[in-house]
Amino acid sequence: MRLGIIRPWKSRWFSVKNYQKFLKEDVLLRKHLEKKLRGMLVDMVEIERAPSTLNVIIKTARPGLLIGRGGEGVEKLKKEVEVFLKKIRKASAKIGLKLTVEEIKSPEQHAGVMVETVAQDLEKRLPFRRVLKHTMSKIMSSKGVRGAKITLSGRLDGAEMARYEWLKEGRVPLQTLRADIDFARGRAHLPYGDLGIKVWIYKGEIFNKEKDVVAQKSKI
């Protein structure tokens, strides 16, 4: 709901003729990269398109794991993405692909990174309550965070009946569109089934100063 209000779109391009094709390609590419980069604390994947180029921006808390020694990791991933895109497009034409890796500062303020952290801890068979409290402590100790909420659902600690547990600290005003809330969801894969994970991180409110100035002038 906050896309286009306080948060930019994750796919940035415009096309009338190829809209359906590009949208499907973006969805499939993101799913492919989510599986491929699992465990590397990736927060999000952004896609930008120009007439002859495709720029994939990967934002991660561990850029060194992706880049590799001398940039080997990025080059290998780039080739794999090119092969994947050719398979989707069913064409062998050369793709003008650019792969950009950006480091995230303050990973505790990014919900996508925290979801992966929770998933990794749960897959190590740590007690879910300890994981909730430890993750919440990390998030709330980060400067600028006003509140957070974490939810887990599924067969927690291997229980026979699935249930829902959550932990919340501070404020998380979901109804306020100007509230800067980062949200992400994911899964932890365990022998007795997947556990659903959701994280909300509230970092205050964002006001459009230009609109406020215009509104004030119109009242005069």
N, C-alpha and C. Protein backbone atom coordinates (compact mmCIF):
# COMPACT_ATOMS: atom_id res chain seq x y z
N MET A 1 0.82 -1.21 0.00
CA MET A 1 0.00 0.00 0.00
C MET A 1 0.85 1.26 0.00
N ARG A 2 2.08 1.17 0.53
CA ARG A 2 2.93 2.36 0.62
C ARG A 2 3.76 2.59 -0.63
N LEU A 3 3.67 1.69 -1.61
CA LEU A 3 4.39 1.86 -2.86
C LEU A 3 3.88 3.11 -3.57
N GLY A 4 4.81 3.93 -4.01
CA GLY A 4 4.43 5.16 -4.70
C GLY A 4 4.07 6.30 -3.78
N ILE A 5 3.97 6.02 -2.46
CA ILE A 5 3.65 7.07 -1.48
C ILE A 5 4.93 7.46 -0.73
N ILE A 6 5.53 6.49 -0.04
CA ILE A 6 6.80 6.77 0.64
C ILE A 6 7.89 5.79 0.22
N ARG A 7 7.55 4.83 -0.63
CA ARG A 7 8.51 3.81 -1.03
C ARG A 7 8.48 3.64 -2.55
N PRO A 8 9.66 3.56 -3.19
CA PRO A 8 9.68 3.40 -4.65
C PRO A 8 9.33 1.98 -5.08
N TRP A 9 8.95 1.82 -6.33
CA TRP A 9 8.63 0.50 -6.88
C TRP A 9 9.90 -0.33 -7.02
N LYS A 10 9.76 -1.65 -6.85
CA LYS A 10 10.92 -2.54 -6.98
C LYS A 10 11.25 -2.85 -8.43
N SER A 11 10.29 -2.63 -9.32
CA SER A 11 10.52 -2.75 -10.76
C SER A 11 10.28 -1.37 -11.37
N ARG A 12 11.29 -0.86 -12.07
CA ARG A 12 11.19 0.49 -12.63
C ARG A 12 11.40 0.44 -14.14
N TRP A 13 10.30 0.47 -14.87
CA TRP A 13 10.33 0.49 -16.33
C TRP A 13 8.94 0.82 -16.84
N PHE A 14 8.86 1.15 -18.12
CA PHE A 14 7.56 1.44 -18.73
C PHE A 14 7.51 0.79 -20.11
N SER A 15 6.41 0.08 -20.36
CA SER A 15 6.23 -0.55 -21.67
C SER A 15 4.75 -0.83 -21.88
N VAL A 16 4.26 -0.46 -23.03
CA VAL A 16 2.87 -0.75 -23.39
C VAL A 16 2.80 -2.08 -24.13
N LYS A 17 3.69 -2.24 -25.08
CA LYS A 17 3.67 -3.43 -25.94
C LYS A 17 4.08 -4.70 -25.19
N ASN A 18 5.11 -4.60 -24.33
CA ASN A 18 5.67 -5.79 -23.68
C ASN A 18 5.39 -5.84 -22.17
N TYR A 19 4.35 -5.16 -21.72
CA TYR A 19 4.07 -5.08 -20.28
C TYR A 19 3.90 -6.47 -19.66
N GLN A 20 3.06 -7.29 -20.24
CA GLN A 20 2.78 -8.63 -19.70
C GLN A 20 4.04 -9.49 -19.68
N LYS A 21 4.80 -9.42 -20.75
CA LYS A 21 6.03 -10.20 -20.88
C LYS A 21 7.06 -9.78 -19.82
N PHE A 22 7.27 -8.47 -19.66
CA PHE A 22 8.26 -7.98 -18.70
C PHE A 22 7.84 -8.27 -17.26
N LEU A 23 6.55 -8.13 -16.97
CA LEU A 23 6.05 -8.39 -15.61
C LEU A 23 6.27 -9.85 -15.22
N LYS A 24 5.94 -10.76 -16.12
CA LYS A 24 6.14 -12.19 -15.87
C LYS A 24 7.62 -12.49 -15.68
N GLU A 25 8.45 -11.87 -16.49
CA GLU A 25 9.90 -12.07 -16.41
C GLU A 25 10.44 -11.59 -15.06
N ASP A 26 9.96 -10.45 -14.59
CA ASP A 26 10.40 -9.92 -13.29
C ASP A 26 10.03 -10.86 -12.15
N VAL A 27 8.80 -11.37 -12.17
CA VAL A 27 8.32 -12.27 -11.11
C VAL A 27 9.14 -13.55 -11.07
N LEU A 28 9.36 -14.15 -12.23
CA LEU A 28 10.12 -15.40 -12.31
C LEU A 28 11.58 -15.19 -11.92
N LEU A 29 12.16 -14.06 -12.34
CA LEU A 29 13.56 -13.76 -12.02
C LEU A 29 13.74 -13.56 -10.52
N ARG A 30 12.80 -12.87 -9.88
CA ARG A 30 12.89 -12.66 -8.43
C ARG A 30 12.80 -13.99 -7.67
N LYS A 31 11.87 -14.85 -8.08
CA LYS A 31 11.74 -16.15 -7.43
C LYS A 31 13.02 -16.97 -7.59
N HIS A 32 13.60 -16.92 -8.78
CA HIS A 32 14.84 -17.65 -9.05
C HIS A 32 15.97 -17.15 -8.16
N LEU A 33 16.11 -15.82 -8.04
CA LEU A 33 17.18 -15.24 -7.23
C LEU A 33 16.95 -15.48 -5.74
N GLU A 34 15.70 -15.48 -5.30
CA GLU A 34 15.39 -15.77 -3.89
C GLU A 34 15.88 -17.16 -3.50
N LYS A 35 15.66 -18.14 -4.38
CA LYS A 35 16.13 -19.50 -4.11
C LYS A 35 17.65 -19.58 -4.20
N LYS A 36 18.20 -18.93 -5.21
CA LYS A 36 19.64 -18.99 -5.47
C LYS A 36 20.45 -18.31 -4.36
N LEU A 37 19.95 -17.19 -3.85
CA LEU A 37 20.70 -16.38 -2.90
C LEU A 37 20.24 -16.58 -1.46
N ARG A 38 19.52 -17.63 -1.21
CA ARG A 38 19.03 -17.90 0.15
C ARG A 38 20.21 -18.11 1.10
N GLY A 39 20.15 -17.44 2.24
CA GLY A 39 21.23 -17.55 3.21
C GLY A 39 22.27 -16.45 3.11
N MET A 40 22.16 -15.59 2.09
CA MET A 40 23.12 -14.50 1.89
C MET A 40 22.60 -13.17 2.41
N LEU A 41 21.52 -13.21 3.18
CA LEU A 41 20.92 -12.02 3.79
C LEU A 41 20.62 -10.93 2.77
N VAL A 42 19.90 -11.32 1.72
CA VAL A 42 19.45 -10.37 0.69
C VAL A 42 18.16 -9.72 1.16
N ASP A 43 18.12 -8.40 1.13
CA ASP A 43 16.91 -7.67 1.55
C ASP A 43 15.91 -7.56 0.42
N MET A 44 16.37 -7.17 -0.77
CA MET A 44 15.46 -7.05 -1.90
C MET A 44 16.21 -7.07 -3.22
N VAL A 45 15.46 -7.34 -4.28
CA VAL A 45 15.99 -7.33 -5.65
C VAL A 45 15.20 -6.30 -6.44
N GLU A 46 15.89 -5.30 -6.97
CA GLU A 46 15.24 -4.27 -7.78
C GLU A 46 15.62 -4.47 -9.25
N ILE A 47 14.70 -4.14 -10.13
CA ILE A 47 14.91 -4.34 -11.57
C ILE A 47 14.63 -3.04 -12.31
N GLU A 48 15.60 -2.61 -13.11
CA GLU A 48 15.45 -1.42 -13.95
C GLU A 48 15.64 -1.83 -15.41
N ARG A 49 14.81 -1.30 -16.27
CA ARG A 49 14.91 -1.64 -17.70
C ARG A 49 15.08 -0.37 -18.53
N ALA A 50 15.95 -0.46 -19.52
CA ALA A 50 16.13 0.56 -20.54
C ALA A 50 15.87 -0.13 -21.88
N PRO A 51 15.80 0.60 -22.99
CA PRO A 51 15.51 -0.04 -24.28
C PRO A 51 16.40 -1.24 -24.62
N SER A 52 17.68 -1.19 -24.23
CA SER A 52 18.59 -2.27 -24.62
C SER A 52 19.30 -2.94 -23.45
N THR A 53 19.00 -2.51 -22.22
CA THR A 53 19.70 -3.07 -21.06
C THR A 53 18.72 -3.44 -19.94
N LEU A 54 19.17 -4.38 -19.12
CA LEU A 54 18.41 -4.81 -17.94
C LEU A 54 19.36 -4.75 -16.75
N ASN A 55 19.02 -3.93 -15.76
CA ASN A 55 19.87 -3.76 -14.59
C ASN A 55 19.20 -4.41 -13.38
N VAL A 56 19.87 -5.42 -12.81
CA VAL A 56 19.36 -6.11 -11.62
C VAL A 56 20.19 -5.65 -10.43
N ILE A 57 19.52 -5.03 -9.45
CA ILE A 57 20.19 -4.49 -8.27
C ILE A 57 19.87 -5.38 -7.07
N ILE A 58 20.91 -5.96 -6.48
CA ILE A 58 20.74 -6.85 -5.33
C ILE A 58 21.25 -6.14 -4.08
N LYS A 59 20.37 -5.93 -3.11
CA LYS A 59 20.74 -5.26 -1.87
C LYS A 59 20.90 -6.30 -0.77
N THR A 60 22.11 -6.39 -0.23
CA THR A 60 22.42 -7.44 0.72
C THR A 60 23.27 -6.94 1.88
N ALA A 61 23.19 -7.63 3.01
CA ALA A 61 24.01 -7.30 4.17
C ALA A 61 25.38 -7.96 4.09
N ARG A 62 25.54 -8.90 3.16
CA ARG A 62 26.82 -9.61 2.99
C ARG A 62 27.28 -9.54 1.53
N PRO A 63 27.70 -8.37 1.07
CA PRO A 63 28.11 -8.24 -0.33
C PRO A 63 29.33 -9.08 -0.69
N GLY A 64 30.20 -9.32 0.30
CA GLY A 64 31.40 -10.11 0.04
C GLY A 64 31.09 -11.53 -0.42
N LEU A 65 30.04 -12.13 0.15
CA LEU A 65 29.65 -13.48 -0.25
C LEU A 65 29.19 -13.52 -1.70
N LEU A 66 28.51 -12.47 -2.14
CA LEU A 66 28.01 -12.41 -3.52
C LEU A 66 29.10 -12.07 -4.51
N ILE A 67 29.91 -11.07 -4.16
CA ILE A 67 30.94 -10.60 -5.09
C ILE A 67 32.03 -11.65 -5.27
N GLY A 68 32.45 -12.26 -4.18
CA GLY A 68 33.49 -13.28 -4.26
C GLY A 68 34.87 -12.69 -4.48
N ARG A 69 35.86 -13.56 -4.57
CA ARG A 69 37.24 -13.11 -4.75
C ARG A 69 37.44 -12.57 -6.17
N GLY A 70 37.83 -11.31 -6.24
CA GLY A 70 38.09 -10.70 -7.55
C GLY A 70 36.84 -10.56 -8.41
N GLY A 71 35.68 -10.60 -7.80
CA GLY A 71 34.43 -10.45 -8.55
C GLY A 71 33.96 -11.71 -9.24
N GLU A 72 34.54 -12.86 -8.87
CA GLU A 72 34.17 -14.13 -9.51
C GLU A 72 32.71 -14.49 -9.25
N GLY A 73 32.26 -14.23 -8.03
CA GLY A 73 30.88 -14.58 -7.67
C GLY A 73 29.85 -13.84 -8.50
N VAL A 74 30.08 -12.54 -8.71
CA VAL A 74 29.15 -11.73 -9.49
C VAL A 74 29.10 -12.19 -10.94
N GLU A 75 30.28 -12.47 -11.50
CA GLU A 75 30.35 -12.91 -12.90
C GLU A 75 29.65 -14.25 -13.10
N LYS A 76 29.83 -15.15 -12.13
CA LYS A 76 29.18 -16.46 -12.21
C LYS A 76 27.66 -16.30 -12.12
N LEU A 77 27.21 -15.46 -11.19
CA LEU A 77 25.77 -15.22 -11.03
C LEU A 77 25.19 -14.55 -12.27
N LYS A 78 25.95 -13.64 -12.85
CA LYS A 78 25.49 -12.93 -14.06
C LYS A 78 25.26 -13.91 -15.21
N LYS A 79 26.19 -14.85 -15.38
CA LYS A 79 26.05 -15.86 -16.44
C LYS A 79 24.83 -16.75 -16.20
N GLU A 80 24.62 -17.12 -14.93
CA GLU A 80 23.46 -17.96 -14.59
C GLU A 80 22.14 -17.22 -14.86
N VAL A 81 22.11 -15.92 -14.54
CA VAL A 81 20.91 -15.11 -14.80
C VAL A 81 20.66 -15.00 -16.30
N GLU A 82 21.72 -14.82 -17.08
CA GLU A 82 21.59 -14.73 -18.54
C GLU A 82 21.00 -16.02 -19.11
N VAL A 83 21.50 -17.15 -18.63
CA VAL A 83 20.98 -18.46 -19.08
C VAL A 83 19.51 -18.59 -18.70
N PHE A 84 19.17 -18.18 -17.48
CA PHE A 84 17.78 -18.26 -17.00
C PHE A 84 16.86 -17.39 -17.85
N LEU A 85 17.29 -16.17 -18.17
CA LEU A 85 16.47 -15.25 -18.97
C LEU A 85 16.29 -15.77 -20.40
N LYS A 86 17.33 -16.35 -20.96
CA LYS A 86 17.23 -16.92 -22.31
C LYS A 86 16.24 -18.08 -22.34
N LYS A 87 16.22 -18.84 -21.24
CA LYS A 87 15.29 -19.96 -21.13
C LYS A 87 13.85 -19.45 -21.07
N ILE A 88 13.63 -18.36 -20.31
CA ILE A 88 12.28 -17.77 -20.21
C ILE A 88 11.84 -17.21 -21.55
N ARG A 89 12.76 -16.48 -22.18
CA ARG A 89 12.42 -15.81 -23.44
C ARG A 89 12.39 -16.76 -24.64
N LYS A 90 12.97 -17.97 -24.42
CA LYS A 90 13.07 -18.96 -25.50
C LYS A 90 13.77 -18.35 -26.72
N ALA A 91 14.85 -17.65 -26.42
CA ALA A 91 15.64 -17.01 -27.48
C ALA A 91 17.11 -17.05 -27.09
N SER A 92 17.98 -17.06 -28.08
CA SER A 92 19.42 -17.13 -27.84
C SER A 92 20.11 -15.79 -28.06
N ALA A 93 19.32 -14.73 -28.27
CA ALA A 93 19.90 -13.41 -28.51
C ALA A 93 20.63 -12.91 -27.27
N LYS A 94 21.67 -12.12 -27.49
CA LYS A 94 22.48 -11.60 -26.39
C LYS A 94 21.65 -10.63 -25.55
N ILE A 95 21.81 -10.73 -24.22
CA ILE A 95 21.06 -9.88 -23.29
C ILE A 95 22.01 -8.83 -22.69
N GLY A 96 21.62 -7.56 -22.77
CA GLY A 96 22.42 -6.49 -22.16
C GLY A 96 22.15 -6.43 -20.67
N LEU A 97 22.77 -7.36 -19.94
CA LEU A 97 22.49 -7.50 -18.50
C LEU A 97 23.57 -6.83 -17.66
N LYS A 98 23.13 -6.08 -16.67
CA LYS A 98 24.04 -5.47 -15.70
C LYS A 98 23.61 -5.92 -14.31
N LEU A 99 24.57 -6.42 -13.53
CA LEU A 99 24.28 -6.91 -12.18
C LEU A 99 24.99 -6.01 -11.17
N THR A 100 24.22 -5.38 -10.29
CA THR A 100 24.78 -4.45 -9.30
C THR A 100 24.51 -4.98 -7.90
N VAL A 101 25.57 -5.04 -7.08
CA VAL A 101 25.44 -5.48 -5.69
C VAL A 101 25.63 -4.27 -4.78
N GLU A 102 24.64 -3.98 -3.95
CA GLU A 102 24.71 -2.85 -3.03
C GLU A 102 24.68 -3.35 -1.59
N GLU A 103 25.56 -2.77 -0.77
CA GLU A 103 25.61 -3.16 0.64
C GLU A 103 24.56 -2.39 1.44
N ILE A 104 23.93 -3.09 2.35
CA ILE A 104 22.92 -2.49 3.23
C ILE A 104 23.60 -2.05 4.52
N LYS A 105 23.36 -0.81 4.89
CA LYS A 105 23.84 -0.33 6.18
C LYS A 105 22.74 -0.55 7.21
N SER A 106 23.12 -0.87 8.42
CA SER A 106 22.16 -1.16 9.50
C SER A 106 21.18 -2.26 9.09
N PRO A 107 21.67 -3.49 8.88
CA PRO A 107 20.78 -4.59 8.45
C PRO A 107 19.64 -4.86 9.41
N GLU A 108 19.79 -4.47 10.68
CA GLU A 108 18.72 -4.69 11.67
C GLU A 108 17.48 -3.86 11.36
N GLN A 109 17.60 -2.86 10.48
CA GLN A 109 16.46 -2.03 10.12
C GLN A 109 15.75 -2.51 8.86
N HIS A 110 16.21 -3.63 8.30
CA HIS A 110 15.64 -4.14 7.06
C HIS A 110 14.93 -5.47 7.32
N ALA A 111 13.63 -5.48 7.07
CA ALA A 111 12.80 -6.65 7.39
C ALA A 111 13.23 -7.90 6.63
N GLY A 112 13.62 -7.74 5.36
CA GLY A 112 14.04 -8.89 4.56
C GLY A 112 15.23 -9.62 5.15
N VAL A 113 16.20 -8.85 5.66
CA VAL A 113 17.39 -9.43 6.29
C VAL A 113 17.01 -10.13 7.59
N MET A 114 16.13 -9.52 8.36
CA MET A 114 15.72 -10.11 9.63
C MET A 114 14.91 -11.40 9.44
N VAL A 115 14.12 -11.46 8.38
CA VAL A 115 13.38 -12.69 8.07
C VAL A 115 14.36 -13.83 7.79
N GLU A 116 15.40 -13.54 7.01
CA GLU A 116 16.41 -14.57 6.72
C GLU A 116 17.15 -14.98 7.97
N THR A 117 17.44 -14.02 8.85
CA THR A 117 18.14 -14.33 10.10
C THR A 117 17.30 -15.25 10.97
N VAL A 118 16.01 -14.96 11.09
CA VAL A 118 15.10 -15.81 11.86
C VAL A 118 15.04 -17.21 11.26
N ALA A 119 14.93 -17.29 9.93
CA ALA A 119 14.86 -18.58 9.25
C ALA A 119 16.11 -19.42 9.51
N GLN A 120 17.28 -18.78 9.44
CA GLN A 120 18.54 -19.50 9.69
C GLN A 120 18.60 -20.04 11.11
N ASP A 121 18.18 -19.22 12.08
CA ASP A 121 18.21 -19.65 13.49
C ASP A 121 17.23 -20.80 13.73
N LEU A 122 16.04 -20.72 13.14
CA LEU A 122 15.05 -21.80 13.31
C LEU A 122 15.53 -23.09 12.66
N GLU A 123 16.21 -22.98 11.52
CA GLU A 123 16.71 -24.17 10.83
C GLU A 123 17.87 -24.81 11.57
N LYS A 124 18.48 -24.06 12.50
CA LYS A 124 19.52 -24.62 13.37
C LYS A 124 18.91 -25.29 14.60
N ARG A 125 17.58 -25.36 14.63
CA ARG A 125 16.79 -25.99 15.70
C ARG A 125 16.86 -25.23 17.03
N LEU A 126 17.07 -23.92 16.97
CA LEU A 126 17.03 -23.12 18.19
C LEU A 126 15.57 -22.95 18.63
N PRO A 127 15.30 -22.88 19.93
CA PRO A 127 13.91 -22.69 20.41
C PRO A 127 13.32 -21.40 19.83
N PHE A 128 12.09 -21.48 19.35
CA PHE A 128 11.51 -20.34 18.64
C PHE A 128 11.34 -19.11 19.53
N ARG A 129 11.06 -19.30 20.81
CA ARG A 129 10.89 -18.14 21.71
C ARG A 129 12.22 -17.40 21.89
N ARG A 130 13.31 -18.16 21.98
CA ARG A 130 14.62 -17.54 22.09
C ARG A 130 14.96 -16.77 20.82
N VAL A 131 14.60 -17.35 19.67
CA VAL A 131 14.84 -16.69 18.38
C VAL A 131 14.06 -15.38 18.30
N LEU A 132 12.79 -15.42 18.71
CA LEU A 132 11.95 -14.22 18.69
C LEU A 132 12.55 -13.11 19.56
N LYS A 133 12.91 -13.45 20.79
CA LYS A 133 13.43 -12.45 21.73
C LYS A 133 14.78 -11.90 21.27
N HIS A 134 15.66 -12.79 20.78
CA HIS A 134 16.99 -12.36 20.33
C HIS A 134 16.89 -11.43 19.12
N THR A 135 16.03 -11.80 18.15
CA THR A 135 15.86 -10.98 16.95
C THR A 135 15.24 -9.64 17.29
N MET A 136 14.24 -9.65 18.16
CA MET A 136 13.59 -8.40 18.57
C MET A 136 14.58 -7.48 19.27
N SER A 137 15.44 -8.05 20.10
CA SER A 137 16.45 -7.26 20.80
C SER A 137 17.41 -6.58 19.81
N LYS A 138 17.81 -7.32 18.77
CA LYS A 138 18.70 -6.76 17.74
C LYS A 138 18.02 -5.62 16.99
N ILE A 139 16.76 -5.81 16.63
CA ILE A 139 16.03 -4.79 15.88
C ILE A 139 15.86 -3.52 16.72
N MET A 140 15.40 -3.67 17.95
CA MET A 140 15.08 -2.52 18.79
C MET A 140 16.33 -1.78 19.27
N SER A 141 17.48 -2.45 19.25
CA SER A 141 18.73 -1.77 19.65
C SER A 141 19.30 -0.91 18.53
N SER A 142 18.74 -1.04 17.32
CA SER A 142 19.21 -0.24 16.18
C SER A 142 18.65 1.18 16.28
N LYS A 143 19.51 2.16 16.08
CA LYS A 143 19.11 3.57 16.18
C LYS A 143 18.10 3.92 15.09
N GLY A 144 17.02 4.55 15.47
CA GLY A 144 16.01 4.96 14.50
C GLY A 144 14.79 4.08 14.45
N VAL A 145 14.85 2.90 15.05
CA VAL A 145 13.70 1.98 15.06
C VAL A 145 12.76 2.36 16.20
N ARG A 146 11.48 2.57 15.87
CA ARG A 146 10.48 2.96 16.87
C ARG A 146 9.65 1.78 17.37
N GLY A 147 9.58 0.73 16.58
CA GLY A 147 8.78 -0.42 16.97
C GLY A 147 8.95 -1.56 15.98
N ALA A 148 8.58 -2.76 16.39
CA ALA A 148 8.71 -3.92 15.52
C ALA A 148 7.75 -5.02 15.95
N LYS A 149 7.42 -5.87 14.99
CA LYS A 149 6.56 -7.02 15.27
C LYS A 149 7.07 -8.21 14.46
N ILE A 150 7.14 -9.38 15.10
CA ILE A 150 7.57 -10.62 14.44
C ILE A 150 6.52 -11.68 14.70
N THR A 151 6.11 -12.39 13.66
CA THR A 151 5.15 -13.48 13.83
C THR A 151 5.72 -14.77 13.25
N LEU A 152 5.39 -15.88 13.90
CA LEU A 152 5.75 -17.22 13.43
C LEU A 152 4.48 -18.06 13.38
N SER A 153 4.36 -18.90 12.37
CA SER A 153 3.19 -19.79 12.28
C SER A 153 3.62 -21.13 11.72
N GLY A 154 2.98 -22.19 12.23
CA GLY A 154 3.30 -23.54 11.79
C GLY A 154 3.50 -24.46 12.98
N ARG A 155 4.15 -25.58 12.75
CA ARG A 155 4.40 -26.56 13.82
C ARG A 155 5.64 -26.13 14.61
N LEU A 156 5.45 -25.16 15.48
CA LEU A 156 6.56 -24.59 16.24
C LEU A 156 7.17 -25.62 17.19
N ASP A 157 8.51 -25.72 17.14
CA ASP A 157 9.26 -26.70 17.94
C ASP A 157 8.78 -28.13 17.71
N GLY A 158 8.21 -28.39 16.52
CA GLY A 158 7.78 -29.74 16.16
C GLY A 158 6.48 -30.18 16.77
N ALA A 159 5.70 -29.26 17.32
CA ALA A 159 4.41 -29.60 17.94
C ALA A 159 3.48 -30.23 16.91
N GLU A 160 2.60 -31.12 17.36
CA GLU A 160 1.70 -31.82 16.44
C GLU A 160 0.67 -30.89 15.83
N MET A 161 0.25 -29.89 16.58
CA MET A 161 -0.75 -28.94 16.07
C MET A 161 -0.08 -27.61 15.73
N ALA A 162 -0.37 -27.11 14.54
CA ALA A 162 0.18 -25.82 14.12
C ALA A 162 -0.44 -24.69 14.94
N ARG A 163 0.36 -23.67 15.20
CA ARG A 163 -0.16 -22.51 15.93
C ARG A 163 0.56 -21.24 15.48
N TYR A 164 0.14 -20.13 16.08
CA TYR A 164 0.62 -18.80 15.69
C TYR A 164 1.17 -18.10 16.92
N GLU A 165 2.41 -17.63 16.84
CA GLU A 165 3.03 -16.90 17.95
C GLU A 165 3.57 -15.58 17.44
N TRP A 166 3.55 -14.55 18.28
CA TRP A 166 4.07 -13.26 17.86
C TRP A 166 4.71 -12.51 19.02
N LEU A 167 5.55 -11.56 18.66
CA LEU A 167 6.21 -10.70 19.65
C LEU A 167 6.23 -9.28 19.09
N LYS A 168 5.87 -8.33 19.93
CA LYS A 168 5.82 -6.94 19.48
C LYS A 168 6.40 -6.01 20.54
N GLU A 169 7.15 -5.01 20.07
CA GLU A 169 7.68 -3.97 20.96
C GLU A 169 7.50 -2.62 20.29
N GLY A 170 7.17 -1.60 21.07
CA GLY A 170 6.99 -0.27 20.51
C GLY A 170 5.72 -0.16 19.68
N ARG A 171 5.67 0.85 18.79
CA ARG A 171 4.50 1.10 17.95
C ARG A 171 4.72 0.57 16.54
N VAL A 172 3.66 0.02 15.96
CA VAL A 172 3.67 -0.39 14.54
C VAL A 172 2.33 0.03 13.94
N PRO A 173 2.17 1.32 13.57
CA PRO A 173 0.88 1.82 13.08
C PRO A 173 0.62 1.45 11.62
N LEU A 174 0.03 0.31 11.39
CA LEU A 174 -0.17 -0.21 10.04
C LEU A 174 -1.19 0.60 9.24
N GLN A 175 -2.08 1.32 9.91
CA GLN A 175 -3.12 2.07 9.19
C GLN A 175 -2.64 3.42 8.66
N THR A 176 -1.49 3.89 9.13
CA THR A 176 -0.98 5.20 8.71
C THR A 176 -0.07 5.04 7.50
N LEU A 177 -0.48 5.59 6.36
CA LEU A 177 0.28 5.40 5.12
C LEU A 177 1.61 6.12 5.12
N ARG A 178 1.74 7.20 5.90
CA ARG A 178 3.02 7.91 5.94
C ARG A 178 4.00 7.26 6.91
N ALA A 179 3.55 6.22 7.63
CA ALA A 179 4.44 5.50 8.54
C ALA A 179 5.47 4.71 7.73
N ASP A 180 6.74 4.88 8.07
CA ASP A 180 7.82 4.17 7.37
C ASP A 180 7.96 2.78 7.98
N ILE A 181 7.21 1.83 7.41
CA ILE A 181 7.22 0.45 7.91
C ILE A 181 7.80 -0.47 6.85
N ASP A 182 8.87 -1.16 7.21
CA ASP A 182 9.47 -2.14 6.30
C ASP A 182 8.87 -3.50 6.64
N PHE A 183 8.37 -4.21 5.63
CA PHE A 183 7.71 -5.50 5.86
C PHE A 183 8.32 -6.56 4.94
N ALA A 184 8.45 -7.76 5.47
CA ALA A 184 8.92 -8.89 4.66
C ALA A 184 8.36 -10.18 5.23
N ARG A 185 8.25 -11.17 4.36
CA ARG A 185 7.79 -12.49 4.80
C ARG A 185 8.71 -13.55 4.20
N GLY A 186 8.74 -14.71 4.85
CA GLY A 186 9.58 -15.80 4.35
C GLY A 186 9.22 -17.11 5.03
N ARG A 187 10.07 -18.12 4.79
CA ARG A 187 9.81 -19.44 5.37
C ARG A 187 11.10 -20.06 5.90
N ALA A 188 10.94 -20.85 6.95
CA ALA A 188 12.04 -21.67 7.46
C ALA A 188 11.69 -23.11 7.13
N HIS A 189 12.60 -23.82 6.47
CA HIS A 189 12.35 -25.20 6.04
C HIS A 189 12.88 -26.17 7.10
N LEU A 190 11.96 -26.91 7.71
CA LEU A 190 12.31 -27.85 8.77
C LEU A 190 11.76 -29.24 8.43
N PRO A 191 12.32 -30.30 9.03
CA PRO A 191 11.89 -31.67 8.70
C PRO A 191 10.40 -31.91 8.91
N TYR A 192 9.80 -31.24 9.88
CA TYR A 192 8.38 -31.46 10.17
C TYR A 192 7.47 -30.45 9.47
N GLY A 193 8.02 -29.68 8.54
CA GLY A 193 7.21 -28.73 7.77
C GLY A 193 7.78 -27.33 7.78
N ASP A 194 7.28 -26.48 6.91
CA ASP A 194 7.73 -25.09 6.83
C ASP A 194 7.07 -24.24 7.91
N LEU A 195 7.83 -23.25 8.39
CA LEU A 195 7.30 -22.27 9.33
C LEU A 195 7.22 -20.92 8.62
N GLY A 196 6.08 -20.25 8.72
CA GLY A 196 5.92 -18.93 8.12
C GLY A 196 6.47 -17.85 9.03
N ILE A 197 7.17 -16.89 8.43
CA ILE A 197 7.80 -15.79 9.19
C ILE A 197 7.36 -14.46 8.58
N LYS A 198 6.97 -13.52 9.44
CA LYS A 198 6.66 -12.16 9.00
C LYS A 198 7.32 -11.16 9.95
N VAL A 199 7.86 -10.10 9.38
CA VAL A 199 8.54 -9.08 10.18
C VAL A 199 8.08 -7.69 9.74
N TRP A 200 7.70 -6.85 10.70
CA TRP A 200 7.39 -5.44 10.46
C TRP A 200 8.37 -4.61 11.28
N ILE A 201 8.97 -3.59 10.67
CA ILE A 201 9.88 -2.68 11.39
C ILE A 201 9.44 -1.24 11.14
N TYR A 202 9.09 -0.54 12.21
CA TYR A 202 8.59 0.84 12.11
C TYR A 202 9.72 1.81 12.44
N LYS A 203 9.97 2.76 11.51
CA LYS A 203 11.09 3.70 11.67
C LYS A 203 10.64 5.16 11.70
N GLY A 204 9.43 5.41 12.12
CA GLY A 204 8.94 6.78 12.20
C GLY A 204 8.04 7.12 11.02
N GLU A 205 7.72 8.40 10.87
CA GLU A 205 6.83 8.85 9.80
C GLU A 205 7.59 9.69 8.79
N ILE A 206 7.18 9.59 7.52
CA ILE A 206 7.79 10.36 6.44
C ILE A 206 6.77 11.38 5.95
N PHE A 207 7.19 12.63 5.95
CA PHE A 207 6.31 13.71 5.48
C PHE A 207 6.88 14.28 4.19
N ASN A 208 6.00 14.56 3.23
CA ASN A 208 6.40 15.19 1.97
C ASN A 208 6.43 16.70 2.19
N LYS A 209 7.64 17.22 2.38
CA LYS A 209 7.79 18.64 2.71
C LYS A 209 7.31 19.55 1.58
N GLU A 210 7.55 19.13 0.31
CA GLU A 210 7.14 19.94 -0.83
C GLU A 210 5.62 20.10 -0.86
N LYS A 211 4.88 18.99 -0.63
CA LYS A 211 3.42 19.05 -0.62
C LYS A 211 2.91 19.91 0.54
N ASP A 212 3.58 19.81 1.70
CA ASP A 212 3.18 20.61 2.85
C ASP A 212 3.33 22.10 2.57
N VAL A 213 4.44 22.47 1.89
CA VAL A 213 4.69 23.88 1.56
C VAL A 213 3.62 24.39 0.61
N VAL A 214 3.27 23.57 -0.43
CA VAL A 214 2.24 23.95 -1.39
C VAL A 214 0.89 24.12 -0.69
N ALA A 215 0.58 23.20 0.22
CA ALA A 215 -0.70 23.26 0.95
C ALA A 215 -0.78 24.51 1.82
N GLN A 216 0.36 24.87 2.45
CA GLN A 216 0.38 26.05 3.30
C GLN A 216 0.19 27.32 2.47
N LYS A 217 0.83 27.38 1.28
CA LYS A 217 0.71 28.55 0.41
C LYS A 217 -0.72 28.72 -0.10
N SER A 218 -1.38 27.59 -0.38
CA SER A 218 -2.75 27.65 -0.90
C SER A 218 -3.74 28.17 0.15
N LYS A 219 -3.38 28.00 1.43
CA LYS A 219 -4.25 28.47 2.50
C LYS A 219 -4.12 29.98 2.72
N ILE A 220 -2.97 30.54 2.31
CA ILE A 220 -2.72 31.97 2.53
C ILE A 220 -3.58 32.83 1.59
